[in-house]
C-alpha atoms as a PDB file:
ATOM      1  CA  MET A   1     -18.230  23.875  16.453  1.00  0.00           C
ATOM      2  CA  SER A   2     -20.055  23.857  13.145  1.00  0.00           C
ATOM      3  CA  LEU A   3     -20.609  20.706  11.152  1.00  0.00           C
ATOM      4  CA  ASN A   4     -18.791  22.143   8.144  1.00  0.00           C
ATOM      5  CA  ARG A   5     -15.716  22.927  10.259  1.00  0.00           C
ATOM      6  CA  GLU A   6     -15.720  19.394  11.686  1.00  0.00           C
ATOM      7  CA  LYS A   7     -15.810  17.944   8.167  1.00  0.00           C
ATOM      8  CA  LYS A   8     -12.901  20.117   7.139  1.00  0.00           C
ATOM      9  CA  GLN A   9     -10.844  19.088  10.155  1.00  0.00           C
ATOM     10  CA  LYS A  10     -11.617  15.430   9.488  1.00  0.00           C
ATOM     11  CA  ARG A  11     -10.616  15.824   5.835  1.00  0.00           C
ATOM     12  CA  ALA A  12      -7.370  17.569   6.867  1.00  0.00           C
ATOM     13  CA  ARG A  13      -6.566  14.656   9.233  1.00  0.00           C
ATOM     14  CA  GLU A  14      -7.259  12.160   6.428  1.00  0.00           C
ATOM     15  CA  ILE A  15      -4.839  13.976   4.126  1.00  0.00           C
ATOM     16  CA  ARG A  16      -2.225  13.954   6.900  1.00  0.00           C
ATOM     17  CA  GLU A  17      -2.728  10.204   7.360  1.00  0.00           C
ATOM     18  CA  ASP A  18      -2.336   9.662   3.611  1.00  0.00           C
ATOM     19  CA  PHE A  19       1.002  11.466   3.738  1.00  0.00           C
ATOM     20  CA  ASP A  20       2.150   9.584   6.828  1.00  0.00           C
ATOM     21  CA  ASN A  21       1.019   6.065   5.870  1.00  0.00           C
ATOM     22  CA  ASN A  22       2.155   5.782   2.246  1.00  0.00           C
ATOM     23  CA  ASP A  23       5.576   5.241   0.685  1.00  0.00           C
ATOM     24  CA  ALA A  24       4.820   7.119  -2.508  1.00  0.00           C
ATOM     25  CA  LEU A  25       2.661  10.153  -3.239  1.00  0.00           C
ATOM     26  CA  PHE A  26       2.370  12.288  -6.313  1.00  0.00           C
ATOM     27  CA  LEU A  27       0.626  15.632  -6.619  1.00  0.00           C
ATOM     28  CA  VAL A  28      -1.287  15.461  -9.882  1.00  0.00           C
ATOM     29  CA  ASP A  29      -2.325  18.525 -11.858  1.00  0.00           C
ATOM     30  CA  TYR A  30      -5.991  17.561 -12.070  1.00  0.00           C
ATOM     31  CA  VAL A  31      -7.240  19.869 -14.836  1.00  0.00           C
ATOM     32  CA  ASN A  32      -9.777  19.223 -17.610  1.00  0.00           C
ATOM     33  CA  ILE A  33     -10.281  15.521 -16.981  1.00  0.00           C
ATOM     34  CA  PRO A  34     -13.622  14.130 -18.130  1.00  0.00           C
ATOM     35  CA  VAL A  35     -15.561  12.029 -15.639  1.00  0.00           C
ATOM     36  CA  SER A  36     -15.264   8.883 -17.787  1.00  0.00           C
ATOM     37  CA  LYS A  37     -11.458   9.138 -17.865  1.00  0.00           C
ATOM     38  CA  SER A  38     -11.361   9.910 -14.158  1.00  0.00           C
ATOM     39  CA  ILE A  39     -13.339   6.743 -13.417  1.00  0.00           C
ATOM     40  CA  LYS A  40     -11.033   4.751 -15.695  1.00  0.00           C
ATOM     41  CA  LEU A  41      -7.948   6.082 -13.870  1.00  0.00           C
ATOM     42  CA  ARG A  42      -9.435   5.409 -10.420  1.00  0.00           C
ATOM     43  CA  THR A  43     -10.351   1.845 -11.426  1.00  0.00           C
ATOM     44  CA  GLN A  44      -6.905   1.170 -12.817  1.00  0.00           C
ATOM     45  CA  LEU A  45      -5.265   2.523  -9.672  1.00  0.00           C
ATOM     46  CA  ARG A  46      -7.586   0.586  -7.357  1.00  0.00           C
ATOM     47  CA  GLU A  47      -6.780  -2.678  -9.169  1.00  0.00           C
ATOM     48  CA  ASN A  48      -3.104  -2.075  -8.384  1.00  0.00           C
ATOM     49  CA  ASN A  49      -3.520  -1.151  -4.682  1.00  0.00           C
ATOM     50  CA  CYS A  50      -3.173   2.564  -5.378  1.00  0.00           C
ATOM     51  CA  SER A  51      -5.535   5.482  -4.771  1.00  0.00           C
ATOM     52  CA  ILE A  52      -6.184   9.007  -5.932  1.00  0.00           C
ATOM     53  CA  LYS A  53      -8.056  11.766  -4.125  1.00  0.00           C
ATOM     54  CA  VAL A  54      -8.910  15.262  -5.259  1.00  0.00           C
ATOM     55  CA  ILE A  55      -7.829  17.599  -2.489  1.00  0.00           C
ATOM     56  CA  LYS A  56      -8.309  21.218  -1.525  1.00  0.00           C
ATOM     57  CA  ASN A  57      -4.939  22.902  -1.350  1.00  0.00           C
ATOM     58  CA  ARG A  58      -5.576  25.083   1.705  1.00  0.00           C
ATOM     59  CA  LEU A  59      -7.076  22.168   3.582  1.00  0.00           C
ATOM     60  CA  ALA A  60      -4.113  19.932   2.704  1.00  0.00           C
ATOM     61  CA  LEU A  61      -1.599  22.561   3.790  1.00  0.00           C
ATOM     62  CA  LYS A  62      -3.482  23.056   7.047  1.00  0.00           C
ATOM     63  CA  GLY A  63      -3.545  19.314   7.705  1.00  0.00           C
ATOM     64  CA  LEU A  64       0.148  18.896   6.945  1.00  0.00           C
ATOM     65  CA  GLY A  65       1.207  21.852   9.069  1.00  0.00           C
ATOM     66  CA  ASP A  66       4.879  22.798   9.218  1.00  0.00           C
ATOM     67  CA  ASP A  67       6.123  19.253   8.639  1.00  0.00           C
ATOM     68  CA  ILE A  68       5.780  19.562   4.866  1.00  0.00           C
ATOM     69  CA  ILE A  69       8.811  19.948   2.625  1.00  0.00           C
ATOM     70  CA  LYS A  70       9.115  23.529   1.348  1.00  0.00           C
ATOM     71  CA  GLU A  71       9.485  22.456  -2.296  1.00  0.00           C
ATOM     72  CA  LEU A  72       6.364  20.309  -2.059  1.00  0.00           C
ATOM     73  CA  LYS A  73       4.407  23.100  -0.396  1.00  0.00           C
ATOM     74  CA  GLU A  74       4.967  25.299  -3.448  1.00  0.00           C
ATOM     75  CA  ASN A  75       3.116  22.772  -5.656  1.00  0.00           C
ATOM     76  CA  PHE A  76      -0.236  23.089  -3.893  1.00  0.00           C
ATOM     77  CA  LYS A  77      -1.662  25.450  -6.512  1.00  0.00           C
ATOM     78  CA  GLY A  78      -4.573  24.968  -8.883  1.00  0.00           C
ATOM     79  CA  PRO A  79      -6.697  21.819  -9.094  1.00  0.00           C
ATOM     80  CA  THR A  80      -4.717  19.106  -7.328  1.00  0.00           C
ATOM     81  CA  ALA A  81      -5.176  15.404  -6.754  1.00  0.00           C
ATOM     82  CA  LEU A  82      -3.106  13.192  -4.512  1.00  0.00           C
ATOM     83  CA  ALA A  83      -2.137   9.782  -5.962  1.00  0.00           C
ATOM     84  CA  PHE A  84      -0.621   7.447  -3.397  1.00  0.00           C
ATOM     85  CA  THR A  85       0.289   3.873  -2.561  1.00  0.00           C
ATOM     86  CA  SER A  86       1.874   1.956   0.267  1.00  0.00           C
ATOM     87  CA  ASP A  87       2.989  -0.816  -2.113  1.00  0.00           C
ATOM     88  CA  ASP A  88       5.290  -0.367  -5.095  1.00  0.00           C
ATOM     89  CA  PRO A  89       5.997   3.324  -5.891  1.00  0.00           C
ATOM     90  CA  ILE A  90       7.291   2.462  -9.352  1.00  0.00           C
ATOM     91  CA  ASN A  91       4.032   0.730 -10.224  1.00  0.00           C
ATOM     92  CA  LEU A  92       2.059   3.866  -9.269  1.00  0.00           C
ATOM     93  CA  ALA A  93       4.392   6.040 -11.341  1.00  0.00           C
ATOM     94  CA  ARG A  94       4.052   3.740 -14.358  1.00  0.00           C
ATOM     95  CA  ILE A  95       0.249   3.693 -14.159  1.00  0.00           C
ATOM     96  CA  LEU A  96       0.122   7.490 -13.992  1.00  0.00           C
ATOM     97  CA  ASP A  97       2.639   7.823 -16.819  1.00  0.00           C
ATOM     98  CA  ASP A  98       0.707   5.409 -19.057  1.00  0.00           C
ATOM     99  CA  PHE A  99      -2.527   7.282 -18.389  1.00  0.00           C
ATOM    100  CA  ILE A 100      -0.914  10.650 -19.069  1.00  0.00           C
ATOM    101  CA  GLY A 101       0.694   9.327 -22.270  1.00  0.00           C
ATOM    102  CA  THR A 102      -2.433   7.755 -23.727  1.00  0.00           C
ATOM    103  CA  ASN A 103      -4.924  10.459 -22.754  1.00  0.00           C
ATOM    104  CA  LYS A 104      -2.721  13.559 -23.037  1.00  0.00           C
ATOM    105  CA  ILE A 105      -4.292  15.024 -19.902  1.00  0.00           C
ATOM    106  CA  LEU A 106      -3.071  15.535 -16.358  1.00  0.00           C
ATOM    107  CA  GLY A 107       0.453  16.211 -15.266  1.00  0.00           C
ATOM    108  CA  ILE A 108       2.660  15.508 -12.281  1.00  0.00           C
ATOM    109  CA  LYS A 109       3.508  18.530 -10.147  1.00  0.00           C
ATOM    110  CA  ALA A 110       5.780  16.822  -7.604  1.00  0.00           C
ATOM    111  CA  GLY A 111       5.957  13.817  -5.337  1.00  0.00           C
ATOM    112  CA  ILE A 112       7.556  11.986  -2.490  1.00  0.00           C
ATOM    113  CA  VAL A 113       8.972   8.498  -3.024  1.00  0.00           C
ATOM    114  CA  GLU A 114      10.146   6.735   0.136  1.00  0.00           C
ATOM    115  CA  GLY A 115      10.902  10.035   1.853  1.00  0.00           C
ATOM    116  CA  GLN A 116      12.664  11.656  -1.097  1.00  0.00           C
ATOM    117  CA  PHE A 117      11.183  14.732  -2.798  1.00  0.00           C
ATOM    118  CA  ILE A 118      10.737  14.356  -6.569  1.00  0.00           C
ATOM    119  CA  ARG A 119      10.179  17.387  -8.791  1.00  0.00           C
ATOM    120  CA  GLY A 120       7.617  17.028 -11.557  1.00  0.00           C
ATOM    121  CA  ASP A 121      10.275  17.255 -14.270  1.00  0.00           C
ATOM    122  CA  ARG A 122      12.101  14.257 -12.744  1.00  0.00           C
ATOM    123  CA  PHE A 123       8.980  12.073 -12.695  1.00  0.00           C
ATOM    124  CA  LYS A 124      10.140  10.189 -15.836  1.00  0.00           C
ATOM    125  CA  GLU A 125      13.260   9.071 -13.976  1.00  0.00           C
ATOM    126  CA  VAL A 126      11.076   7.359 -11.390  1.00  0.00           C
ATOM    127  CA  VAL A 127       9.024   5.719 -14.151  1.00  0.00           C
ATOM    128  CA  ASN A 128      12.167   4.377 -15.815  1.00  0.00           C
ATOM    129  CA  LEU A 129      13.416   2.699 -12.628  1.00  0.00           C
ATOM    130  CA  GLY A 130      12.881  -1.015 -12.331  1.00  0.00           C
ATOM    131  CA  SER A 131      10.261  -2.373  -9.987  1.00  0.00           C
ATOM    132  CA  ARG A 132      11.251  -3.306  -6.451  1.00  0.00           C
ATOM    133  CA  ARG A 133      11.384  -6.999  -7.432  1.00  0.00           C
ATOM    134  CA  GLU A 134      13.615  -6.241 -10.455  1.00  0.00           C
ATOM    135  CA  LEU A 135      15.949  -4.075  -8.384  1.00  0.00           C
ATOM    136  CA  MET A 136      16.203  -6.711  -5.653  1.00  0.00           C
ATOM    137  CA  SER A 137      17.012  -9.440  -8.181  1.00  0.00           C
ATOM    138  CA  LYS A 138      19.725  -7.244  -9.734  1.00  0.00           C
ATOM    139  CA  PHE A 139      21.105  -6.540  -6.284  1.00  0.00           C
ATOM    140  CA  GLY A 140      21.151 -10.266  -5.490  1.00  0.00           C
ATOM    141  CA  TYR A 141      22.937 -11.012  -8.760  1.00  0.00           C
ATOM    142  CA  LEU A 142      25.528  -8.315  -8.084  1.00  0.00           C
ATOM    143  CA  MET A 143      26.132  -9.677  -4.595  1.00  0.00           C
ATOM    144  CA  ALA A 144      26.503 -13.269  -5.816  1.00  0.00           C
ATOM    145  CA  ALA A 145      28.668 -12.536  -8.887  1.00  0.00           C
ATOM    146  CA  PRO A 146      31.995 -12.061  -7.025  1.00  0.00           C
ATOM    147  CA  LEU A 147      31.407 -15.231  -5.025  1.00  0.00           C
ATOM    148  CA  THR A 148      30.653 -17.176  -8.191  1.00  0.00           C
ATOM    149  CA  LYS A 149      33.846 -15.892  -9.812  1.00  0.00           C
ATOM    150  CA  LEU A 150      35.850 -16.802  -6.719  1.00  0.00           C
ATOM    151  CA  LEU A 151      34.411 -20.320  -6.732  1.00  0.00           C
ATOM    152  CA  ARG A 152      35.264 -20.746 -10.440  1.00  0.00           C
ATOM    153  CA  THR A 153      38.804 -19.496  -9.778  1.00  0.00           C
ATOM    154  CA  TRP A 154      39.274 -22.056  -7.011  1.00  0.00           C
ATOM    155  CA  GLN A 155      37.898 -24.854  -9.179  1.00  0.00           C
ATOM    156  CA  ALA A 156      40.071 -24.012 -12.202  1.00  0.00           C
ATOM    157  CA  PRO A 157      43.337 -25.627 -10.961  1.00  0.00           C
ATOM    158  CA  PHE A 158      41.505 -28.821  -9.977  1.00  0.00           C
ATOM    159  CA  SER A 159      39.781 -29.159 -13.344  1.00  0.00           C
ATOM    160  CA  SER A 160      43.095 -28.480 -15.105  1.00  0.00           C
ATOM    161  CA  LEU A 161      44.815 -31.072 -12.937  1.00  0.00           C
ATOM    162  CA  GLY A 162      42.110 -33.596 -13.764  1.00  0.00           C
ATOM    163  CA  SER A 163      42.467 -33.063 -17.519  1.00  0.00           C
ATOM    164  CA  MET A 164      46.279 -33.280 -17.304  1.00  0.00           C
ATOM    165  CA  LEU A 165      46.074 -36.584 -15.396  1.00  0.00           C
ATOM    166  CA  SER A 166      43.654 -38.026 -17.964  1.00  0.00           C
ATOM    167  CA  GLN A 167      46.014 -36.987 -20.783  1.00  0.00           C
ATOM    168  CA  LEU A 168      48.950 -38.601 -18.986  1.00  0.00           C
ATOM    169  CA  LYS A 169      46.937 -41.784 -18.516  1.00  0.00           C
ATOM    170  CA  SER A 170      46.007 -41.880 -22.214  1.00  0.00           C
ATOM    171  CA  LYS A 171      49.676 -41.457 -23.247  1.00  0.00           C
ATOM    172  CA  LYS A 172      50.816 -44.502 -21.310  1.00  0.00           C
END
């Protein structure tokens, strides 16, 4: 087996591992990005436990095999980079969105967030979601709210009774 073929197979396995081991991945349209901006993006992503790799489409499709979602497969065209994280998917989406907004380069082709396929035109919806911590705190609040209301309802007659007794005592 030639050395070049071994490198390609290794690279295909690495791409497969990136797909298997991360909660969020976005296929980035990696066109016309200057090296300085690319370094800036990579640094920003690395600081937030995210990564980006430029990939070869045919190699990626070979590594992923038949397990890939059909809609995602259609987005492996042109210069493509794979941005991924195993941490907070919303954080990755926000970093990419900020970079795209400030530099007016790159674009999101498609992605997968916690097993769900995301089209490129729906990327902004992911960005506008709250972070995992924010969503969990909202969920906790929503779970506790009915219990709090129930507790206040149970306490209302006792507090009313207490105020009525104090009024009766002050009348006498």
